[in-house]
Amino acid sequence: MIKHLEALAIWQKSKTFDYSGRTTRGEQRFIIHDCGIFLGSSASRADFLTQASFDIGYGLLPYWPDVAGAPKNSIIGGGSLWVLRDRPEAEYKGAAAFLAYLSRPDVQARWHQTTGYLPITRAAYELTRSQGYYDRNPGADTAIKQITLNPPTDDTRGLRLGSYVTVRDIIEEEMEQALNGRETAAAALKNAVARGNEVLREFERTNK
């Protein structure tokens, strides 16, 4: 991670890499021809198809070939649905029915094909494939290939931690410090770990 962040900071100076900000702020730069390569969410694909005036190619994320086991599968992103505890039984029945509906292959396939987000079940992926969607839309399955490159490990099966959004903001703040040259990559990542751990310890104290 230090090597990668150091490289990004060097490339930032020459504009080989140019950080556009958090979330999807880089999308428009790609659409208006301000950059040639965009790294972002699979959900950006839908925006590109409706807004870009040029043909778009898709590929797996780049990787450092000297990293052991590279390339590795990436972790899945996106939002999550949560069911709160200590609610009436009738509400849980409703929540269960809603989640069962969302998990249906036909519903998931339609969601995946419309939004660009990944289907949550293999059945939805297989249904999408059998419908010829990937044949008609080359590159639409790139993100699926990315997260299924290898069997998941403890580091690539996904994240579940308290105060996740706060921790993510801390990581982004520290990375921005490195990209702006205000901190070294090593210091930025060390600070991110220390600040993130403080948030996690506070989460532990307040959520028994």
N, C-alpha and C. Protein backbone atom coordinates (compact mmCIF):
# COMPACT_ATOMS: atom_id res chain seq x y z
N MET A 1 0.83 -1.20 0.00
CA MET A 1 0.00 0.00 0.00
C MET A 1 0.87 1.26 0.00
N ILE A 2 1.97 1.23 0.75
CA ILE A 2 2.88 2.38 0.76
C ILE A 2 3.45 2.61 -0.64
N LYS A 3 3.90 1.54 -1.27
CA LYS A 3 4.46 1.65 -2.62
C LYS A 3 3.43 2.23 -3.59
N HIS A 4 2.21 1.76 -3.49
CA HIS A 4 1.17 2.22 -4.42
C HIS A 4 0.85 3.69 -4.20
N LEU A 5 0.68 4.09 -2.94
CA LEU A 5 0.36 5.48 -2.65
C LEU A 5 1.52 6.39 -3.01
N GLU A 6 2.75 5.93 -2.80
CA GLU A 6 3.92 6.71 -3.21
C GLU A 6 3.91 6.94 -4.72
N ALA A 7 3.58 5.89 -5.47
CA ALA A 7 3.54 6.01 -6.93
C ALA A 7 2.46 7.00 -7.36
N LEU A 8 1.29 6.92 -6.74
CA LEU A 8 0.21 7.84 -7.09
C LEU A 8 0.61 9.29 -6.81
N ALA A 9 1.31 9.51 -5.70
CA ALA A 9 1.74 10.88 -5.35
C ALA A 9 2.73 11.41 -6.38
N ILE A 10 3.63 10.55 -6.86
CA ILE A 10 4.59 10.95 -7.89
C ILE A 10 3.86 11.25 -9.20
N TRP A 11 2.95 10.37 -9.56
CA TRP A 11 2.19 10.56 -10.81
C TRP A 11 1.29 11.78 -10.74
N GLN A 12 0.84 12.10 -9.53
CA GLN A 12 -0.01 13.29 -9.36
C GLN A 12 0.75 14.55 -9.74
N LYS A 13 2.03 14.60 -9.42
CA LYS A 13 2.83 15.80 -9.74
C LYS A 13 2.95 16.00 -11.24
N SER A 14 3.08 14.91 -11.99
CA SER A 14 3.22 15.02 -13.44
C SER A 14 1.89 14.96 -14.18
N LYS A 15 0.80 14.73 -13.43
CA LYS A 15 -0.55 14.58 -13.97
C LYS A 15 -0.70 13.31 -14.81
N THR A 16 0.25 12.37 -14.66
CA THR A 16 0.02 11.05 -15.23
C THR A 16 -1.21 10.44 -14.58
N PHE A 17 -1.33 10.69 -13.28
CA PHE A 17 -2.54 10.41 -12.52
C PHE A 17 -3.03 11.74 -11.99
N ASP A 18 -4.34 11.97 -12.01
CA ASP A 18 -4.86 13.24 -11.53
C ASP A 18 -6.11 12.99 -10.69
N TYR A 19 -5.96 13.13 -9.39
CA TYR A 19 -7.06 12.89 -8.46
C TYR A 19 -8.15 13.92 -8.65
N SER A 20 -9.37 13.46 -8.83
CA SER A 20 -10.48 14.37 -9.10
C SER A 20 -11.38 14.59 -7.89
N GLY A 21 -11.11 13.92 -6.80
CA GLY A 21 -11.96 14.05 -5.63
C GLY A 21 -12.67 12.75 -5.30
N ARG A 22 -13.45 12.79 -4.28
CA ARG A 22 -14.12 11.59 -3.79
C ARG A 22 -15.37 11.26 -4.60
N THR A 23 -15.91 10.10 -4.29
CA THR A 23 -17.12 9.54 -4.92
C THR A 23 -16.97 9.52 -6.44
N THR A 24 -17.91 10.11 -7.17
CA THR A 24 -17.91 9.99 -8.64
C THR A 24 -17.50 11.29 -9.33
N ARG A 25 -16.72 12.11 -8.68
CA ARG A 25 -16.37 13.41 -9.25
C ARG A 25 -15.51 13.31 -10.50
N GLY A 26 -14.85 12.18 -10.68
CA GLY A 26 -14.03 12.03 -11.87
C GLY A 26 -14.80 11.63 -13.11
N GLU A 27 -16.05 11.23 -12.94
CA GLU A 27 -16.83 10.75 -14.07
C GLU A 27 -16.93 11.78 -15.20
N GLN A 28 -17.29 13.00 -14.85
CA GLN A 28 -17.50 14.02 -15.88
C GLN A 28 -16.22 14.34 -16.64
N ARG A 29 -15.09 14.23 -15.99
CA ARG A 29 -13.82 14.50 -16.68
C ARG A 29 -13.60 13.48 -17.79
N PHE A 30 -14.00 12.24 -17.52
CA PHE A 30 -13.88 11.21 -18.54
C PHE A 30 -14.86 11.46 -19.68
N ILE A 31 -16.08 11.82 -19.33
CA ILE A 31 -17.13 12.04 -20.33
C ILE A 31 -16.77 13.18 -21.27
N ILE A 32 -16.12 14.23 -20.76
CA ILE A 32 -15.80 15.40 -21.59
C ILE A 32 -14.40 15.30 -22.19
N HIS A 33 -13.80 14.11 -22.20
CA HIS A 33 -12.50 13.87 -22.84
C HIS A 33 -11.34 14.50 -22.07
N ASP A 34 -11.51 14.77 -20.78
CA ASP A 34 -10.45 15.39 -20.00
C ASP A 34 -9.45 14.37 -19.47
N CYS A 35 -9.80 13.10 -19.55
CA CYS A 35 -8.86 12.03 -19.15
C CYS A 35 -9.16 10.81 -20.01
N GLY A 36 -8.14 9.99 -20.19
CA GLY A 36 -8.28 8.84 -21.08
C GLY A 36 -8.68 7.55 -20.39
N ILE A 37 -8.41 7.46 -19.08
CA ILE A 37 -8.71 6.25 -18.32
C ILE A 37 -9.37 6.68 -17.02
N PHE A 38 -10.44 6.00 -16.66
CA PHE A 38 -11.17 6.30 -15.44
C PHE A 38 -11.27 5.03 -14.60
N LEU A 39 -10.91 5.12 -13.34
CA LEU A 39 -11.08 3.99 -12.41
C LEU A 39 -12.24 4.32 -11.49
N GLY A 40 -13.26 3.47 -11.49
CA GLY A 40 -14.41 3.78 -10.65
C GLY A 40 -15.39 2.64 -10.58
N SER A 41 -16.58 2.97 -10.15
CA SER A 41 -17.62 1.98 -9.92
C SER A 41 -18.15 1.40 -11.23
N SER A 42 -18.56 0.14 -11.17
CA SER A 42 -19.21 -0.46 -12.33
C SER A 42 -20.51 0.26 -12.65
N ALA A 43 -21.09 0.93 -11.66
CA ALA A 43 -22.34 1.66 -11.88
C ALA A 43 -22.12 2.88 -12.77
N SER A 44 -20.87 3.33 -12.93
CA SER A 44 -20.59 4.46 -13.81
C SER A 44 -20.87 4.11 -15.27
N ARG A 45 -20.87 2.83 -15.57
CA ARG A 45 -21.05 2.39 -16.95
C ARG A 45 -22.36 2.92 -17.54
N ALA A 46 -23.41 2.90 -16.76
CA ALA A 46 -24.71 3.37 -17.26
C ALA A 46 -24.64 4.85 -17.62
N ASP A 47 -23.98 5.66 -16.81
CA ASP A 47 -23.84 7.09 -17.11
C ASP A 47 -23.01 7.29 -18.37
N PHE A 48 -21.93 6.53 -18.50
CA PHE A 48 -21.07 6.69 -19.67
C PHE A 48 -21.83 6.37 -20.95
N LEU A 49 -22.63 5.33 -20.91
CA LEU A 49 -23.35 4.92 -22.12
C LEU A 49 -24.36 5.98 -22.57
N THR A 50 -24.92 6.72 -21.63
CA THR A 50 -25.93 7.72 -21.99
C THR A 50 -25.32 9.10 -22.25
N GLN A 51 -24.12 9.35 -21.73
CA GLN A 51 -23.56 10.71 -21.82
C GLN A 51 -22.32 10.82 -22.71
N ALA A 52 -21.54 9.74 -22.82
CA ALA A 52 -20.29 9.84 -23.58
C ALA A 52 -20.56 9.81 -25.08
N SER A 53 -19.75 10.55 -25.82
CA SER A 53 -19.91 10.63 -27.28
C SER A 53 -18.84 9.80 -28.00
N PHE A 54 -18.33 8.78 -27.34
CA PHE A 54 -17.26 7.97 -27.92
C PHE A 54 -17.41 6.54 -27.45
N ASP A 55 -16.75 5.63 -28.14
CA ASP A 55 -16.78 4.23 -27.75
C ASP A 55 -15.94 4.03 -26.49
N ILE A 56 -16.39 3.14 -25.62
CA ILE A 56 -15.73 2.92 -24.33
C ILE A 56 -15.29 1.48 -24.23
N GLY A 57 -14.07 1.29 -23.77
CA GLY A 57 -13.57 -0.05 -23.50
C GLY A 57 -13.52 -0.29 -22.00
N TYR A 58 -13.52 -1.56 -21.62
CA TYR A 58 -13.53 -1.92 -20.20
C TYR A 58 -12.42 -2.92 -19.91
N GLY A 59 -11.85 -2.84 -18.72
CA GLY A 59 -10.80 -3.78 -18.36
C GLY A 59 -10.72 -3.98 -16.87
N LEU A 60 -10.00 -5.03 -16.47
CA LEU A 60 -9.79 -5.28 -15.05
C LEU A 60 -8.86 -4.23 -14.47
N LEU A 61 -8.89 -4.09 -13.16
CA LEU A 61 -8.03 -3.11 -12.50
C LEU A 61 -6.57 -3.45 -12.71
N PRO A 62 -5.71 -2.44 -12.88
CA PRO A 62 -4.27 -2.71 -13.00
C PRO A 62 -3.71 -3.20 -11.67
N TYR A 63 -2.56 -3.84 -11.72
CA TYR A 63 -1.96 -4.38 -10.50
C TYR A 63 -0.44 -4.37 -10.63
N TRP A 64 0.21 -4.46 -9.47
CA TRP A 64 1.67 -4.55 -9.44
C TRP A 64 2.05 -6.03 -9.60
N PRO A 65 2.75 -6.40 -10.65
CA PRO A 65 3.03 -7.81 -10.90
C PRO A 65 3.96 -8.46 -9.88
N ASP A 66 4.71 -7.64 -9.10
CA ASP A 66 5.63 -8.22 -8.13
C ASP A 66 4.96 -8.51 -6.79
N VAL A 67 3.68 -8.21 -6.66
CA VAL A 67 2.95 -8.53 -5.43
C VAL A 67 2.59 -10.02 -5.45
N ALA A 68 2.88 -10.71 -4.38
CA ALA A 68 2.62 -12.15 -4.31
C ALA A 68 1.15 -12.45 -4.57
N GLY A 69 0.91 -13.38 -5.49
CA GLY A 69 -0.46 -13.78 -5.78
C GLY A 69 -1.24 -12.85 -6.69
N ALA A 70 -0.59 -11.81 -7.19
CA ALA A 70 -1.28 -10.86 -8.07
C ALA A 70 -1.56 -11.48 -9.43
N PRO A 71 -2.66 -11.12 -10.07
CA PRO A 71 -3.69 -10.19 -9.58
C PRO A 71 -4.65 -10.87 -8.63
N LYS A 72 -5.14 -10.12 -7.67
CA LYS A 72 -6.09 -10.64 -6.70
C LYS A 72 -7.49 -10.14 -7.03
N ASN A 73 -8.48 -10.84 -6.53
CA ASN A 73 -9.84 -10.33 -6.70
C ASN A 73 -10.04 -9.11 -5.80
N SER A 74 -10.78 -8.14 -6.28
CA SER A 74 -11.04 -6.94 -5.49
C SER A 74 -12.26 -7.17 -4.60
N ILE A 75 -12.40 -6.33 -3.58
CA ILE A 75 -13.56 -6.45 -2.71
C ILE A 75 -14.74 -5.74 -3.34
N ILE A 76 -15.92 -6.17 -2.98
CA ILE A 76 -17.12 -5.55 -3.50
C ILE A 76 -17.40 -4.26 -2.74
N GLY A 77 -17.97 -3.30 -3.44
CA GLY A 77 -18.33 -2.04 -2.80
C GLY A 77 -19.83 -1.85 -2.82
N GLY A 78 -20.26 -0.60 -2.82
CA GLY A 78 -21.69 -0.34 -2.89
C GLY A 78 -22.34 -0.22 -1.53
N GLY A 79 -23.61 0.09 -1.55
CA GLY A 79 -24.37 0.28 -0.31
C GLY A 79 -24.87 -1.04 0.26
N SER A 80 -25.45 -0.97 1.42
CA SER A 80 -25.95 -2.17 2.09
C SER A 80 -27.33 -1.90 2.67
N LEU A 81 -28.09 -2.96 2.80
CA LEU A 81 -29.38 -2.88 3.47
C LEU A 81 -29.25 -3.56 4.83
N TRP A 82 -29.75 -2.92 5.85
CA TRP A 82 -29.64 -3.46 7.20
C TRP A 82 -31.03 -3.58 7.82
N VAL A 83 -31.21 -4.63 8.61
CA VAL A 83 -32.45 -4.81 9.37
C VAL A 83 -32.13 -4.56 10.83
N LEU A 84 -32.82 -3.62 11.45
CA LEU A 84 -32.53 -3.24 12.82
C LEU A 84 -33.10 -4.26 13.80
N ARG A 85 -32.46 -4.38 14.94
CA ARG A 85 -32.94 -5.30 15.96
C ARG A 85 -33.98 -4.61 16.84
N ASP A 86 -34.63 -5.42 17.66
CA ASP A 86 -35.60 -4.94 18.66
C ASP A 86 -36.81 -4.25 18.02
N ARG A 87 -37.27 -4.82 16.91
CA ARG A 87 -38.47 -4.31 16.25
C ARG A 87 -39.59 -5.32 16.38
N PRO A 88 -40.86 -4.92 16.15
CA PRO A 88 -41.99 -5.86 16.26
C PRO A 88 -41.86 -7.01 15.25
N GLU A 89 -42.39 -8.16 15.62
CA GLU A 89 -42.30 -9.36 14.77
C GLU A 89 -42.91 -9.12 13.39
N ALA A 90 -43.99 -8.36 13.34
CA ALA A 90 -44.64 -8.10 12.05
C ALA A 90 -43.71 -7.36 11.10
N GLU A 91 -42.89 -6.48 11.64
CA GLU A 91 -41.95 -5.73 10.79
C GLU A 91 -40.88 -6.67 10.22
N TYR A 92 -40.47 -7.64 11.02
CA TYR A 92 -39.46 -8.59 10.53
C TYR A 92 -40.03 -9.46 9.41
N LYS A 93 -41.29 -9.81 9.51
CA LYS A 93 -41.92 -10.58 8.43
C LYS A 93 -41.95 -9.76 7.15
N GLY A 94 -42.25 -8.47 7.29
CA GLY A 94 -42.26 -7.59 6.13
C GLY A 94 -40.87 -7.41 5.54
N ALA A 95 -39.87 -7.24 6.42
CA ALA A 95 -38.50 -7.07 5.95
C ALA A 95 -38.01 -8.34 5.26
N ALA A 96 -38.36 -9.49 5.81
CA ALA A 96 -37.95 -10.76 5.21
C ALA A 96 -38.56 -10.93 3.82
N ALA A 97 -39.83 -10.57 3.69
CA ALA A 97 -40.50 -10.68 2.39
C ALA A 97 -39.86 -9.73 1.38
N PHE A 98 -39.51 -8.53 1.83
CA PHE A 98 -38.88 -7.55 0.94
C PHE A 98 -37.51 -8.03 0.47
N LEU A 99 -36.70 -8.55 1.41
CA LEU A 99 -35.37 -9.03 1.05
C LEU A 99 -35.46 -10.25 0.14
N ALA A 100 -36.45 -11.09 0.38
CA ALA A 100 -36.64 -12.25 -0.49
C ALA A 100 -37.00 -11.80 -1.90
N TYR A 101 -37.82 -10.77 -1.99
CA TYR A 101 -38.18 -10.22 -3.31
C TYR A 101 -36.94 -9.66 -4.01
N LEU A 102 -36.14 -8.88 -3.29
CA LEU A 102 -34.95 -8.29 -3.90
C LEU A 102 -33.96 -9.34 -4.36
N SER A 103 -33.97 -10.50 -3.71
CA SER A 103 -33.01 -11.55 -4.03
C SER A 103 -33.46 -12.45 -5.18
N ARG A 104 -34.67 -12.30 -5.64
CA ARG A 104 -35.15 -13.12 -6.74
C ARG A 104 -34.27 -12.92 -7.97
N PRO A 105 -33.92 -13.99 -8.67
CA PRO A 105 -33.03 -13.85 -9.84
C PRO A 105 -33.53 -12.84 -10.86
N ASP A 106 -34.83 -12.82 -11.14
CA ASP A 106 -35.33 -11.90 -12.15
C ASP A 106 -35.22 -10.45 -11.71
N VAL A 107 -35.45 -10.20 -10.41
CA VAL A 107 -35.35 -8.84 -9.89
C VAL A 107 -33.89 -8.40 -9.86
N GLN A 108 -33.01 -9.27 -9.37
CA GLN A 108 -31.59 -8.95 -9.31
C GLN A 108 -31.00 -8.75 -10.70
N ALA A 109 -31.40 -9.59 -11.65
CA ALA A 109 -30.90 -9.47 -13.02
C ALA A 109 -31.31 -8.12 -13.61
N ARG A 110 -32.56 -7.73 -13.39
CA ARG A 110 -33.04 -6.45 -13.92
C ARG A 110 -32.31 -5.28 -13.26
N TRP A 111 -32.09 -5.38 -11.95
CA TRP A 111 -31.35 -4.34 -11.22
C TRP A 111 -29.93 -4.23 -11.75
N HIS A 112 -29.27 -5.35 -11.89
CA HIS A 112 -27.89 -5.39 -12.40
C HIS A 112 -27.79 -4.79 -13.79
N GLN A 113 -28.69 -5.17 -14.67
CA GLN A 113 -28.63 -4.72 -16.05
C GLN A 113 -28.98 -3.24 -16.18
N THR A 114 -29.83 -2.74 -15.29
CA THR A 114 -30.26 -1.34 -15.37
C THR A 114 -29.25 -0.39 -14.75
N THR A 115 -28.66 -0.79 -13.62
CA THR A 115 -27.81 0.13 -12.85
C THR A 115 -26.32 -0.07 -13.08
N GLY A 116 -25.90 -1.26 -13.48
CA GLY A 116 -24.47 -1.54 -13.57
C GLY A 116 -23.90 -2.11 -12.30
N TYR A 117 -24.67 -2.06 -11.20
CA TYR A 117 -24.20 -2.70 -9.97
C TYR A 117 -24.18 -4.21 -10.15
N LEU A 118 -23.38 -4.89 -9.34
CA LEU A 118 -23.25 -6.33 -9.48
C LEU A 118 -24.47 -7.05 -8.93
N PRO A 119 -24.85 -8.17 -9.55
CA PRO A 119 -25.93 -8.99 -8.97
C PRO A 119 -25.43 -9.64 -7.70
N ILE A 120 -26.32 -9.84 -6.73
CA ILE A 120 -25.88 -10.39 -5.45
C ILE A 120 -25.90 -11.90 -5.42
N THR A 121 -26.43 -12.54 -6.45
CA THR A 121 -26.49 -14.00 -6.48
C THR A 121 -25.96 -14.51 -7.81
N ARG A 122 -25.41 -15.72 -7.77
CA ARG A 122 -24.94 -16.34 -9.01
C ARG A 122 -26.12 -16.64 -9.94
N ALA A 123 -27.28 -16.94 -9.35
CA ALA A 123 -28.47 -17.22 -10.16
C ALA A 123 -28.84 -16.02 -11.02
N ALA A 124 -28.72 -14.83 -10.46
CA ALA A 124 -29.03 -13.61 -11.22
C ALA A 124 -28.01 -13.39 -12.33
N TYR A 125 -26.76 -13.70 -12.03
CA TYR A 125 -25.71 -13.59 -13.06
C TYR A 125 -25.97 -14.58 -14.19
N GLU A 126 -26.27 -15.82 -13.83
CA GLU A 126 -26.52 -16.84 -14.85
C GLU A 126 -27.74 -16.50 -15.69
N LEU A 127 -28.78 -15.94 -15.05
CA LEU A 127 -29.95 -15.53 -15.80
C LEU A 127 -29.60 -14.42 -16.78
N THR A 128 -28.82 -13.45 -16.32
CA THR A 128 -28.40 -12.34 -17.19
C THR A 128 -27.59 -12.87 -18.37
N ARG A 129 -26.69 -13.81 -18.08
CA ARG A 129 -25.86 -14.39 -19.14
C ARG A 129 -26.72 -15.15 -20.15
N SER A 130 -27.69 -15.94 -19.64
CA SER A 130 -28.54 -16.73 -20.53
C SER A 130 -29.44 -15.85 -21.39
N GLN A 131 -29.71 -14.65 -20.91
CA GLN A 131 -30.52 -13.71 -21.68
C GLN A 131 -29.71 -13.02 -22.78
N GLY A 132 -28.42 -13.30 -22.83
CA GLY A 132 -27.57 -12.71 -23.85
C GLY A 132 -27.15 -11.28 -23.57
N TYR A 133 -27.34 -10.83 -22.33
CA TYR A 133 -27.05 -9.44 -22.00
C TYR A 133 -25.58 -9.12 -22.19
N TYR A 134 -24.69 -10.01 -21.75
CA TYR A 134 -23.26 -9.74 -21.86
C TYR A 134 -22.78 -9.80 -23.30
N ASP A 135 -23.43 -10.60 -24.12
CA ASP A 135 -23.09 -10.64 -25.53
C ASP A 135 -23.47 -9.32 -26.21
N ARG A 136 -24.59 -8.76 -25.80
CA ARG A 136 -25.05 -7.49 -26.38
C ARG A 136 -24.35 -6.29 -25.77
N ASN A 137 -23.76 -6.47 -24.58
CA ASN A 137 -23.13 -5.36 -23.85
C ASN A 137 -21.73 -5.76 -23.40
N PRO A 138 -20.78 -5.83 -24.32
CA PRO A 138 -19.41 -6.23 -23.96
C PRO A 138 -18.85 -5.35 -22.85
N GLY A 139 -18.25 -5.98 -21.86
CA GLY A 139 -17.68 -5.25 -20.73
C GLY A 139 -18.58 -5.17 -19.52
N ALA A 140 -19.86 -5.50 -19.69
CA ALA A 140 -20.79 -5.39 -18.56
C ALA A 140 -20.50 -6.40 -17.47
N ASP A 141 -19.77 -7.46 -17.79
CA ASP A 141 -19.43 -8.47 -16.78
C ASP A 141 -18.01 -8.31 -16.26
N THR A 142 -17.33 -7.21 -16.61
CA THR A 142 -15.94 -7.02 -16.17
C THR A 142 -15.82 -6.99 -14.65
N ALA A 143 -16.71 -6.27 -13.99
CA ALA A 143 -16.63 -6.17 -12.53
C ALA A 143 -16.88 -7.52 -11.87
N ILE A 144 -17.73 -8.34 -12.46
CA ILE A 144 -17.98 -9.67 -11.92
C ILE A 144 -16.73 -10.52 -12.02
N LYS A 145 -16.04 -10.42 -13.15
CA LYS A 145 -14.77 -11.14 -13.31
C LYS A 145 -13.75 -10.64 -12.29
N GLN A 146 -13.77 -9.34 -12.01
CA GLN A 146 -12.79 -8.75 -11.10
C GLN A 146 -12.92 -9.31 -9.69
N ILE A 147 -14.13 -9.49 -9.21
CA ILE A 147 -14.28 -9.96 -7.82
C ILE A 147 -14.26 -11.48 -7.71
N THR A 148 -14.25 -12.18 -8.84
CA THR A 148 -14.23 -13.64 -8.80
C THR A 148 -12.96 -14.21 -9.41
N LEU A 149 -11.91 -13.40 -9.52
CA LEU A 149 -10.63 -13.86 -10.09
C LEU A 149 -10.09 -15.07 -9.33
N ASN A 150 -10.17 -14.99 -8.00
CA ASN A 150 -9.64 -16.04 -7.13
C ASN A 150 -10.62 -16.27 -5.98
N PRO A 151 -10.47 -17.39 -5.27
CA PRO A 151 -11.30 -17.57 -4.07
C PRO A 151 -11.04 -16.42 -3.09
N PRO A 152 -12.07 -15.92 -2.44
CA PRO A 152 -11.87 -14.79 -1.52
C PRO A 152 -11.01 -15.18 -0.32
N THR A 153 -10.27 -14.19 0.19
CA THR A 153 -9.47 -14.36 1.39
C THR A 153 -10.05 -13.47 2.48
N ASP A 154 -9.44 -13.50 3.66
CA ASP A 154 -9.91 -12.63 4.74
C ASP A 154 -9.81 -11.16 4.34
N ASP A 155 -8.88 -10.84 3.43
CA ASP A 155 -8.69 -9.46 3.02
C ASP A 155 -9.55 -9.05 1.84
N THR A 156 -10.14 -10.02 1.13
CA THR A 156 -10.87 -9.68 -0.09
C THR A 156 -12.34 -10.11 -0.08
N ARG A 157 -12.82 -10.63 1.04
CA ARG A 157 -14.21 -11.10 1.05
C ARG A 157 -15.20 -9.99 1.38
N GLY A 158 -14.69 -8.79 1.67
CA GLY A 158 -15.58 -7.67 1.96
C GLY A 158 -15.36 -7.12 3.36
N LEU A 159 -15.94 -5.98 3.62
CA LEU A 159 -15.72 -5.28 4.88
C LEU A 159 -17.02 -5.20 5.69
N ARG A 160 -16.87 -5.37 6.98
CA ARG A 160 -17.99 -5.14 7.89
C ARG A 160 -17.40 -4.63 9.19
N LEU A 161 -17.53 -3.34 9.43
CA LEU A 161 -16.96 -2.75 10.64
C LEU A 161 -17.80 -1.56 11.07
N GLY A 162 -17.74 -1.29 12.35
CA GLY A 162 -18.51 -0.19 12.91
C GLY A 162 -18.01 1.15 12.41
N SER A 163 -18.94 2.09 12.25
CA SER A 163 -18.61 3.46 11.81
C SER A 163 -17.82 3.44 10.51
N TYR A 164 -18.24 2.59 9.59
CA TYR A 164 -17.51 2.41 8.34
C TYR A 164 -17.33 3.71 7.56
N VAL A 165 -18.40 4.51 7.46
CA VAL A 165 -18.32 5.74 6.68
C VAL A 165 -17.29 6.70 7.28
N THR A 166 -17.25 6.78 8.61
CA THR A 166 -16.28 7.65 9.28
C THR A 166 -14.86 7.17 9.01
N VAL A 167 -14.65 5.86 9.11
CA VAL A 167 -13.32 5.30 8.85
C VAL A 167 -12.92 5.54 7.40
N ARG A 168 -13.85 5.37 6.48
CA ARG A 168 -13.56 5.61 5.07
C ARG A 168 -13.16 7.07 4.84
N ASP A 169 -13.85 8.00 5.48
CA ASP A 169 -13.50 9.41 5.35
C ASP A 169 -12.09 9.68 5.86
N ILE A 170 -11.71 9.03 6.94
CA ILE A 170 -10.37 9.19 7.49
C ILE A 170 -9.32 8.70 6.50
N ILE A 171 -9.55 7.52 5.93
CA ILE A 171 -8.62 6.97 4.95
C ILE A 171 -8.47 7.92 3.76
N GLU A 172 -9.59 8.45 3.28
CA GLU A 172 -9.54 9.35 2.13
C GLU A 172 -8.83 10.65 2.49
N GLU A 173 -9.07 11.16 3.68
CA GLU A 173 -8.38 12.38 4.12
C GLU A 173 -6.87 12.19 4.13
N GLU A 174 -6.43 11.07 4.68
CA GLU A 174 -5.00 10.83 4.78
C GLU A 174 -4.38 10.58 3.40
N MET A 175 -5.08 9.87 2.55
CA MET A 175 -4.57 9.66 1.19
C MET A 175 -4.44 11.00 0.45
N GLU A 176 -5.40 11.88 0.66
CA GLU A 176 -5.34 13.19 0.03
C GLU A 176 -4.14 13.99 0.53
N GLN A 177 -3.80 13.83 1.80
CA GLN A 177 -2.61 14.50 2.33
C GLN A 177 -1.35 14.03 1.61
N ALA A 178 -1.28 12.74 1.32
CA ALA A 178 -0.13 12.21 0.60
C ALA A 178 -0.12 12.69 -0.85
N LEU A 179 -1.28 12.69 -1.49
CA LEU A 179 -1.36 13.12 -2.89
C LEU A 179 -1.02 14.60 -3.05
N ASN A 180 -1.32 15.38 -2.01
CA ASN A 180 -1.02 16.81 -2.05
C ASN A 180 0.40 17.13 -1.60
N GLY A 181 1.15 16.08 -1.21
CA GLY A 181 2.53 16.29 -0.79
C GLY A 181 2.69 16.80 0.62
N ARG A 182 1.63 16.78 1.41
CA ARG A 182 1.71 17.28 2.78
C ARG A 182 2.20 16.21 3.75
N GLU A 183 2.08 14.94 3.37
CA GLU A 183 2.57 13.83 4.18
C GLU A 183 3.21 12.81 3.26
N THR A 184 4.12 12.01 3.80
CA THR A 184 4.63 10.88 3.04
C THR A 184 3.56 9.81 2.99
N ALA A 185 3.70 8.91 2.04
CA ALA A 185 2.72 7.82 1.95
C ALA A 185 2.71 6.99 3.23
N ALA A 186 3.90 6.70 3.76
CA ALA A 186 3.99 5.89 4.98
C ALA A 186 3.32 6.60 6.15
N ALA A 187 3.54 7.90 6.29
CA ALA A 187 2.93 8.65 7.40
C ALA A 187 1.42 8.71 7.24
N ALA A 188 0.97 8.92 6.02
CA ALA A 188 -0.47 9.02 5.78
C ALA A 188 -1.17 7.72 6.15
N LEU A 189 -0.61 6.60 5.74
CA LEU A 189 -1.25 5.32 6.04
C LEU A 189 -1.15 5.00 7.53
N LYS A 190 -0.05 5.35 8.17
CA LYS A 190 0.08 5.15 9.61
C LYS A 190 -0.96 5.97 10.36
N ASN A 191 -1.15 7.21 9.93
CA ASN A 191 -2.15 8.07 10.57
C ASN A 191 -3.56 7.53 10.34
N ALA A 192 -3.81 7.01 9.15
CA ALA A 192 -5.12 6.45 8.86
C ALA A 192 -5.43 5.28 9.78
N VAL A 193 -4.45 4.43 10.01
CA VAL A 193 -4.63 3.29 10.90
C VAL A 193 -4.91 3.76 12.33
N ALA A 194 -4.11 4.70 12.81
CA ALA A 194 -4.26 5.18 14.19
C ALA A 194 -5.61 5.85 14.38
N ARG A 195 -5.99 6.73 13.46
CA ARG A 195 -7.27 7.44 13.59
C ARG A 195 -8.44 6.48 13.42
N GLY A 196 -8.32 5.55 12.49
CA GLY A 196 -9.38 4.57 12.28
C GLY A 196 -9.58 3.68 13.49
N ASN A 197 -8.49 3.28 14.12
CA ASN A 197 -8.59 2.43 15.31
C ASN A 197 -9.27 3.17 16.46
N GLU A 198 -9.03 4.47 16.57
CA GLU A 198 -9.71 5.25 17.61
C GLU A 198 -11.22 5.22 17.40
N VAL A 199 -11.65 5.35 16.16
CA VAL A 199 -13.07 5.31 15.85
C VAL A 199 -13.65 3.93 16.18
N LEU A 200 -12.92 2.87 15.85
CA LEU A 200 -13.40 1.52 16.13
C LEU A 200 -13.50 1.25 17.62
N ARG A 201 -12.51 1.73 18.38
CA ARG A 201 -12.58 1.54 19.83
C ARG A 201 -13.77 2.28 20.43
N GLU A 202 -14.07 3.47 19.90
CA GLU A 202 -15.23 4.21 20.38
C GLU A 202 -16.52 3.47 20.01
N PHE A 203 -16.56 2.89 18.84
CA PHE A 203 -17.72 2.10 18.43
C PHE A 203 -17.91 0.93 19.38
N GLU A 204 -16.82 0.28 19.77
CA GLU A 204 -16.92 -0.84 20.70
C GLU A 204 -17.50 -0.39 22.05
N ARG A 205 -17.05 0.77 22.51
CA ARG A 205 -17.50 1.25 23.83
C ARG A 205 -18.98 1.62 23.82
N THR A 206 -19.49 2.08 22.69
CA THR A 206 -20.87 2.57 22.65
C THR A 206 -21.86 1.55 22.07
N ASN A 207 -21.37 0.42 21.59
CA ASN A 207 -22.25 -0.58 21.01
C ASN A 207 -21.93 -1.95 21.57
N LYS A 208 -22.42 -2.23 22.74
CA LYS A 208 -22.18 -3.52 23.38
C LYS A 208 -23.17 -4.56 22.88
